[in-house]
């Protein structure tokens, strides 16, 4: 039987590896993987500063496909299903305090693996930006 962290690591590795393969066929492969990896580095900080619901809603509202893909991947890792990131958002909005705290811990635990694989597999370091914009607004 796998531990929860092993499950998160396995899921994240497969998803990030698939993203790398898919991005290699694009015209600008570095841009999409950089946006995904950059948000993987920033999302845990956003969760700690703003809270889970606010951080997930912010990333969802950004409109970038790579950011939405990260939410879908996170949802699959946490809930074991794909629902375009909406199930995780709804669950985080509707959860009671104890469930909300557990969900926050699990998201942070899973995101640790996304950060690691963004750096090792995609080659995205903390602070790398694909579109020269800060997370909170325009430059």
C-alpha atoms as a PDB file:
ATOM      1  CA  UNK A   1       0.000   0.000   0.000  1.00  0.00           C
ATOM      2  CA  UNK A   2       1.299   3.464  -0.965  1.00  0.00           C
ATOM      3  CA  UNK A   3       1.407   6.401   1.399  1.00  0.00           C
ATOM      4  CA  UNK A   4      -0.484   9.555   0.469  1.00  0.00           C
ATOM      5  CA  UNK A   5       2.785  11.317  -0.352  1.00  0.00           C
ATOM      6  CA  UNK A   6       3.840   8.470  -2.650  1.00  0.00           C
ATOM      7  CA  UNK A   7       0.492   8.691  -4.403  1.00  0.00           C
ATOM      8  CA  UNK A   8       0.881  12.451  -4.871  1.00  0.00           C
ATOM      9  CA  UNK A   9       4.453  12.035  -6.136  1.00  0.00           C
ATOM     10  CA  UNK A  10       3.467   9.331  -8.618  1.00  0.00           C
ATOM     11  CA  UNK A  11       0.485  11.297  -9.914  1.00  0.00           C
ATOM     12  CA  UNK A  12       2.448  14.558 -10.230  1.00  0.00           C
ATOM     13  CA  UNK A  13       5.372  12.861 -11.978  1.00  0.00           C
ATOM     14  CA  UNK A  14       3.106  11.276 -14.585  1.00  0.00           C
ATOM     15  CA  UNK A  15       1.183  14.517 -15.185  1.00  0.00           C
ATOM     16  CA  UNK A  16       4.246  16.763 -15.426  1.00  0.00           C
ATOM     17  CA  UNK A  17       5.993  14.219 -17.660  1.00  0.00           C
ATOM     18  CA  UNK A  18       2.975  14.151 -19.975  1.00  0.00           C
ATOM     19  CA  UNK A  19       2.961  17.965 -20.031  1.00  0.00           C
ATOM     20  CA  UNK A  20       6.632  18.011 -21.003  1.00  0.00           C
ATOM     21  CA  UNK A  21       6.007  15.572 -23.877  1.00  0.00           C
ATOM     22  CA  UNK A  22       2.994  17.561 -25.071  1.00  0.00           C
ATOM     23  CA  UNK A  23       4.801  20.894 -24.854  1.00  0.00           C
ATOM     24  CA  UNK A  24       7.679  19.590 -26.987  1.00  0.00           C
ATOM     25  CA  UNK A  25       5.331  19.442 -29.982  1.00  0.00           C
ATOM     26  CA  UNK A  26       4.213  23.093 -29.618  1.00  0.00           C
ATOM     27  CA  UNK A  27       5.659  26.121 -31.426  1.00  0.00           C
ATOM     28  CA  UNK A  28       6.868  27.672 -28.173  1.00  0.00           C
ATOM     29  CA  UNK A  29       7.275  24.713 -25.795  1.00  0.00           C
ATOM     30  CA  UNK A  30       9.123  26.675 -23.133  1.00  0.00           C
ATOM     31  CA  UNK A  31       6.324  29.225 -22.626  1.00  0.00           C
ATOM     32  CA  UNK A  32       3.582  26.802 -21.633  1.00  0.00           C
ATOM     33  CA  UNK A  33       5.754  24.688 -19.372  1.00  0.00           C
ATOM     34  CA  UNK A  34       7.213  27.850 -17.800  1.00  0.00           C
ATOM     35  CA  UNK A  35       3.733  29.234 -17.028  1.00  0.00           C
ATOM     36  CA  UNK A  36       2.675  25.892 -15.520  1.00  0.00           C
ATOM     37  CA  UNK A  37       5.886  25.532 -13.498  1.00  0.00           C
ATOM     38  CA  UNK A  38       5.843  29.137 -12.365  1.00  0.00           C
ATOM     39  CA  UNK A  39       2.333  28.745 -10.962  1.00  0.00           C
ATOM     40  CA  UNK A  40       3.311  25.434  -9.345  1.00  0.00           C
ATOM     41  CA  UNK A  41       5.958  27.387  -7.424  1.00  0.00           C
ATOM     42  CA  UNK A  42       3.622  30.284  -6.533  1.00  0.00           C
ATOM     43  CA  UNK A  43       0.401  28.486  -5.630  1.00  0.00           C
ATOM     44  CA  UNK A  44       1.552  27.190  -2.208  1.00  0.00           C
ATOM     45  CA  UNK A  45       2.548  30.737  -1.236  1.00  0.00           C
ATOM     46  CA  UNK A  46      -0.825  32.047  -2.405  1.00  0.00           C
ATOM     47  CA  UNK A  47      -2.613  29.373  -0.380  1.00  0.00           C
ATOM     48  CA  UNK A  48      -0.659  30.253   2.766  1.00  0.00           C
ATOM     49  CA  UNK A  49      -1.213  33.993   2.397  1.00  0.00           C
ATOM     50  CA  UNK A  50      -4.765  34.212   1.033  1.00  0.00           C
ATOM     51  CA  UNK A  51      -6.299  30.864   1.937  1.00  0.00           C
ATOM     52  CA  UNK A  52      -7.222  27.845  -0.147  1.00  0.00           C
ATOM     53  CA  UNK A  53     -10.481  29.091  -1.672  1.00  0.00           C
ATOM     54  CA  UNK A  54      -9.132  32.502  -2.613  1.00  0.00           C
ATOM     55  CA  UNK A  55      -5.928  31.067  -4.114  1.00  0.00           C
ATOM     56  CA  UNK A  56      -7.712  28.406  -6.173  1.00  0.00           C
ATOM     57  CA  UNK A  57     -10.301  30.899  -7.418  1.00  0.00           C
ATOM     58  CA  UNK A  58      -7.572  33.379  -8.324  1.00  0.00           C
ATOM     59  CA  UNK A  59      -5.677  30.797 -10.375  1.00  0.00           C
ATOM     60  CA  UNK A  60      -8.895  29.624 -12.020  1.00  0.00           C
ATOM     61  CA  UNK A  61      -9.872  33.176 -12.964  1.00  0.00           C
ATOM     62  CA  UNK A  62      -6.525  33.951 -14.593  1.00  0.00           C
ATOM     63  CA  UNK A  63      -7.756  32.421 -17.843  1.00  0.00           C
ATOM     64  CA  UNK A  64      -4.436  30.775 -18.709  1.00  0.00           C
ATOM     65  CA  UNK A  65      -4.786  27.197 -19.908  1.00  0.00           C
ATOM     66  CA  UNK A  66      -1.599  26.120 -18.104  1.00  0.00           C
ATOM     67  CA  UNK A  67      -2.939  27.420 -14.796  1.00  0.00           C
ATOM     68  CA  UNK A  68      -6.245  25.641 -15.274  1.00  0.00           C
ATOM     69  CA  UNK A  69      -4.333  22.491 -16.168  1.00  0.00           C
ATOM     70  CA  UNK A  70      -2.446  22.721 -12.874  1.00  0.00           C
ATOM     71  CA  UNK A  71      -5.779  22.905 -11.023  1.00  0.00           C
ATOM     72  CA  UNK A  72      -7.044  19.873 -12.947  1.00  0.00           C
ATOM     73  CA  UNK A  73      -3.878  17.978 -12.086  1.00  0.00           C
ATOM     74  CA  UNK A  74      -4.135  18.977  -8.437  1.00  0.00           C
ATOM     75  CA  UNK A  75      -7.751  17.857  -8.327  1.00  0.00           C
ATOM     76  CA  UNK A  76      -6.854  14.492  -9.797  1.00  0.00           C
ATOM     77  CA  UNK A  77      -4.073  14.044  -7.240  1.00  0.00           C
ATOM     78  CA  UNK A  78      -6.251  15.030  -4.265  1.00  0.00           C
ATOM     79  CA  UNK A  79      -9.637  13.613  -5.244  1.00  0.00           C
ATOM     80  CA  UNK A  80      -8.576  10.919  -7.687  1.00  0.00           C
ATOM     81  CA  UNK A  81     -10.779  12.204 -10.468  1.00  0.00           C
ATOM     82  CA  UNK A  82     -10.827  14.701 -13.288  1.00  0.00           C
ATOM     83  CA  UNK A  83     -13.562  17.328 -13.353  1.00  0.00           C
ATOM     84  CA  UNK A  84     -11.777  20.308 -14.926  1.00  0.00           C
ATOM     85  CA  UNK A  85     -10.748  21.628 -11.511  1.00  0.00           C
ATOM     86  CA  UNK A  86     -14.296  22.591 -10.600  1.00  0.00           C
ATOM     87  CA  UNK A  87     -14.931  19.847  -8.039  1.00  0.00           C
ATOM     88  CA  UNK A  88     -11.932  20.906  -5.959  1.00  0.00           C
ATOM     89  CA  UNK A  89     -13.021  24.548  -6.125  1.00  0.00           C
ATOM     90  CA  UNK A  90     -16.571  23.685  -5.053  1.00  0.00           C
ATOM     91  CA  UNK A  91     -15.377  21.392  -2.287  1.00  0.00           C
ATOM     92  CA  UNK A  92     -13.044  24.048  -0.896  1.00  0.00           C
ATOM     93  CA  UNK A  93     -15.855  26.644  -0.926  1.00  0.00           C
ATOM     94  CA  UNK A  94     -18.413  24.399   0.779  1.00  0.00           C
ATOM     95  CA  UNK A  95     -16.239  22.547   3.306  1.00  0.00           C
ATOM     96  CA  UNK A  96     -16.662  22.955   7.040  1.00  0.00           C
ATOM     97  CA  UNK A  97     -13.613  24.149   9.004  1.00  0.00           C
ATOM     98  CA  UNK A  98     -12.112  20.723   9.769  1.00  0.00           C
ATOM     99  CA  UNK A  99     -12.535  19.512   6.201  1.00  0.00           C
ATOM    100  CA  UNK A 100     -11.216  22.825   4.855  1.00  0.00           C
ATOM    101  CA  UNK A 101      -8.067  22.541   6.975  1.00  0.00           C
ATOM    102  CA  UNK A 102      -7.526  18.929   5.850  1.00  0.00           C
ATOM    103  CA  UNK A 103      -8.031  19.898   2.216  1.00  0.00           C
ATOM    104  CA  UNK A 104      -5.571  22.772   2.582  1.00  0.00           C
ATOM    105  CA  UNK A 105      -2.921  20.447   4.076  1.00  0.00           C
ATOM    106  CA  UNK A 106      -3.444  17.906   1.302  1.00  0.00           C
ATOM    107  CA  UNK A 107      -3.208  20.543  -1.427  1.00  0.00           C
ATOM    108  CA  UNK A 108       0.017  21.916   0.045  1.00  0.00           C
ATOM    109  CA  UNK A 109       1.423  18.405   0.364  1.00  0.00           C
ATOM    110  CA  UNK A 110       0.591  17.567  -3.257  1.00  0.00           C
ATOM    111  CA  UNK A 111       1.846  20.925  -4.560  1.00  0.00           C
ATOM    112  CA  UNK A 112       5.249  20.196  -3.052  1.00  0.00           C
ATOM    113  CA  UNK A 113       5.617  17.453  -5.684  1.00  0.00           C
ATOM    114  CA  UNK A 114       4.418  19.694  -8.500  1.00  0.00           C
ATOM    115  CA  UNK A 115       7.043  22.266  -7.498  1.00  0.00           C
ATOM    116  CA  UNK A 116       9.773  19.620  -7.387  1.00  0.00           C
ATOM    117  CA  UNK A 117       8.874  18.168 -10.768  1.00  0.00           C
ATOM    118  CA  UNK A 118       8.400  21.611 -12.333  1.00  0.00           C
ATOM    119  CA  UNK A 119      12.005  22.270 -11.433  1.00  0.00           C
ATOM    120  CA  UNK A 120      13.494  18.856 -12.212  1.00  0.00           C
ATOM    121  CA  UNK A 121      11.399  17.734 -15.208  1.00  0.00           C
ATOM    122  CA  UNK A 122      10.366  21.043 -16.785  1.00  0.00           C
ATOM    123  CA  UNK A 123      13.450  23.013 -15.749  1.00  0.00           C
ATOM    124  CA  UNK A 124      11.411  25.869 -14.251  1.00  0.00           C
ATOM    125  CA  UNK A 125      13.078  27.579 -11.322  1.00  0.00           C
ATOM    126  CA  UNK A 126      11.296  29.736  -8.724  1.00  0.00           C
ATOM    127  CA  UNK A 127      10.858  33.228 -10.153  1.00  0.00           C
ATOM    128  CA  UNK A 128      10.835  32.169 -13.802  1.00  0.00           C
ATOM    129  CA  UNK A 129       8.084  33.959 -15.709  1.00  0.00           C
ATOM    130  CA  UNK A 130       6.796  33.122 -19.170  1.00  0.00           C
ATOM    131  CA  UNK A 131       4.926  36.352 -19.837  1.00  0.00           C
ATOM    132  CA  UNK A 132       6.701  38.977 -17.694  1.00  0.00           C
ATOM    133  CA  UNK A 133       3.704  39.500 -15.431  1.00  0.00           C
ATOM    134  CA  UNK A 134       3.582  39.267 -11.691  1.00  0.00           C
ATOM    135  CA  UNK A 135       1.054  36.889 -10.139  1.00  0.00           C
ATOM    136  CA  UNK A 136      -0.977  39.654  -8.567  1.00  0.00           C
ATOM    137  CA  UNK A 137      -1.210  41.989 -11.550  1.00  0.00           C
ATOM    138  CA  UNK A 138       0.301  43.592 -14.601  1.00  0.00           C
ATOM    139  CA  UNK A 139       3.774  45.059 -14.799  1.00  0.00           C
END
